[in-house]
Amino acid sequence: METIFDHNLTQKEKSEFLDKDVYLKVVDNESSLFDLALLFHLRGDKERALKYLKELPPSIVNDFWRLVTHP
């Protein structure tokens, strides 16, 4: 399973997520896809963010957009 830790997180980005060991123990596929979309959205790479969002159910995609548009 691909996770955010496969994408060279910066120190600032690392502070936004759980410790790697804890994260890898608790993350499931949908959470990983959500976090990947969030990571690339924060990096300004909208195309890659959308790639991961397309793999998620509509209700989770709606949660994503709520999160990023209503901080």
C-alpha atoms as a PDB file:
ATOM      1  CA  MET A   1       0.000   0.000   0.000  1.00  0.00           C
ATOM      2  CA  GLU A   2       1.326   3.414  -0.970  1.00  0.00           C
ATOM      3  CA  THR A   3       1.438   5.994   1.825  1.00  0.00           C
ATOM      4  CA  ILE A   4       2.538   9.574   2.373  1.00  0.00           C
ATOM      5  CA  PHE A   5       5.851   8.226   3.654  1.00  0.00           C
ATOM      6  CA  ASP A   6       6.707   7.076   0.129  1.00  0.00           C
ATOM      7  CA  HIS A   7       6.895  10.734  -0.986  1.00  0.00           C
ATOM      8  CA  ASN A   8       9.808  12.355   0.865  1.00  0.00           C
ATOM      9  CA  LEU A   9       7.915  14.359   3.462  1.00  0.00           C
ATOM     10  CA  THR A  10       9.460  17.602   4.596  1.00  0.00           C
ATOM     11  CA  GLN A  11       9.896  18.233   8.331  1.00  0.00           C
ATOM     12  CA  LYS A  12       6.876  20.537   8.273  1.00  0.00           C
ATOM     13  CA  GLU A  13       4.765  17.915   6.501  1.00  0.00           C
ATOM     14  CA  LYS A  14       5.890  15.247   8.963  1.00  0.00           C
ATOM     15  CA  SER A  15       4.539  17.377  11.800  1.00  0.00           C
ATOM     16  CA  GLU A  16       1.081  17.325  10.176  1.00  0.00           C
ATOM     17  CA  PHE A  17       0.768  13.534  10.355  1.00  0.00           C
ATOM     18  CA  LEU A  18       1.240  10.795  12.928  1.00  0.00           C
ATOM     19  CA  ASP A  19       4.635   9.295  13.662  1.00  0.00           C
ATOM     20  CA  LYS A  20       5.552   6.916  10.827  1.00  0.00           C
ATOM     21  CA  ASP A  21       5.538   3.738  12.946  1.00  0.00           C
ATOM     22  CA  VAL A  22       2.155   4.561  14.480  1.00  0.00           C
ATOM     23  CA  TYR A  23       0.739   5.670  11.130  1.00  0.00           C
ATOM     24  CA  LEU A  24       1.718   2.448   9.386  1.00  0.00           C
ATOM     25  CA  LYS A  25       0.109   0.365  12.131  1.00  0.00           C
ATOM     26  CA  VAL A  26      -3.257   2.127  11.990  1.00  0.00           C
ATOM     27  CA  VAL A  27      -3.715   3.342   8.405  1.00  0.00           C
ATOM     28  CA  ASP A  28      -6.057   1.548   6.041  1.00  0.00           C
ATOM     29  CA  ASN A  29      -6.258   1.927   2.267  1.00  0.00           C
ATOM     30  CA  GLU A  30      -8.936   4.658   2.256  1.00  0.00           C
ATOM     31  CA  SER A  31      -7.130   6.688   4.908  1.00  0.00           C
ATOM     32  CA  SER A  32      -3.890   6.375   2.993  1.00  0.00           C
ATOM     33  CA  LEU A  33      -5.523   7.588  -0.229  1.00  0.00           C
ATOM     34  CA  PHE A  34      -7.141  10.495   1.634  1.00  0.00           C
ATOM     35  CA  ASP A  35      -3.800  11.486   3.158  1.00  0.00           C
ATOM     36  CA  LEU A  36      -2.023  11.209  -0.186  1.00  0.00           C
ATOM     37  CA  ALA A  37      -4.631  13.491  -1.758  1.00  0.00           C
ATOM     38  CA  LEU A  38      -4.203  15.925   1.127  1.00  0.00           C
ATOM     39  CA  LEU A  39      -0.403  15.874   0.858  1.00  0.00           C
ATOM     40  CA  PHE A  40      -0.452  16.681  -2.843  1.00  0.00           C
ATOM     41  CA  HIS A  41      -3.184  19.271  -2.391  1.00  0.00           C
ATOM     42  CA  LEU A  42      -1.020  21.006   0.233  1.00  0.00           C
ATOM     43  CA  ARG A  43       1.947  20.838  -2.132  1.00  0.00           C
ATOM     44  CA  GLY A  44      -0.142  22.526  -4.825  1.00  0.00           C
ATOM     45  CA  ASP A  45      -0.132  19.458  -7.082  1.00  0.00           C
ATOM     46  CA  LYS A  46      -3.867  19.361  -7.796  1.00  0.00           C
ATOM     47  CA  GLU A  47      -3.544  16.779 -10.590  1.00  0.00           C
ATOM     48  CA  ARG A  48      -1.921  14.211  -8.315  1.00  0.00           C
ATOM     49  CA  ALA A  49      -4.380  15.003  -5.518  1.00  0.00           C
ATOM     50  CA  LEU A  50      -7.273  14.294  -7.877  1.00  0.00           C
ATOM     51  CA  LYS A  51      -5.652  11.006  -8.918  1.00  0.00           C
ATOM     52  CA  TYR A  52      -5.990   9.717  -5.352  1.00  0.00           C
ATOM     53  CA  LEU A  53      -9.423  11.239  -4.786  1.00  0.00           C
ATOM     54  CA  LYS A  54     -10.785   9.348  -7.797  1.00  0.00           C
ATOM     55  CA  GLU A  55     -10.090   6.100  -5.948  1.00  0.00           C
ATOM     56  CA  LEU A  56     -12.250   7.086  -2.960  1.00  0.00           C
ATOM     57  CA  PRO A  57     -16.008   6.847  -2.440  1.00  0.00           C
ATOM     58  CA  PRO A  58     -17.984  10.081  -2.969  1.00  0.00           C
ATOM     59  CA  SER A  59     -18.736  10.544   0.732  1.00  0.00           C
ATOM     60  CA  ILE A  60     -15.021  10.581   1.580  1.00  0.00           C
ATOM     61  CA  VAL A  61     -14.271  12.902  -1.338  1.00  0.00           C
ATOM     62  CA  ASN A  62     -16.920  15.268   0.051  1.00  0.00           C
ATOM     63  CA  ASP A  63     -15.198  15.117   3.460  1.00  0.00           C
ATOM     64  CA  PHE A  64     -11.897  15.958   1.780  1.00  0.00           C
ATOM     65  CA  TRP A  65     -13.302  19.040   0.061  1.00  0.00           C
ATOM     66  CA  ARG A  66     -15.003  20.148   3.268  1.00  0.00           C
ATOM     67  CA  LEU A  67     -11.672  19.874   5.076  1.00  0.00           C
ATOM     68  CA  VAL A  68      -9.619  21.814   2.558  1.00  0.00           C
ATOM     69  CA  THR A  69     -12.161  24.537   1.835  1.00  0.00           C
ATOM     70  CA  HIS A  70     -13.386  25.206   5.376  1.00  0.00           C
ATOM     71  CA  PRO A  71     -10.326  25.250   7.656  1.00  0.00           C
END
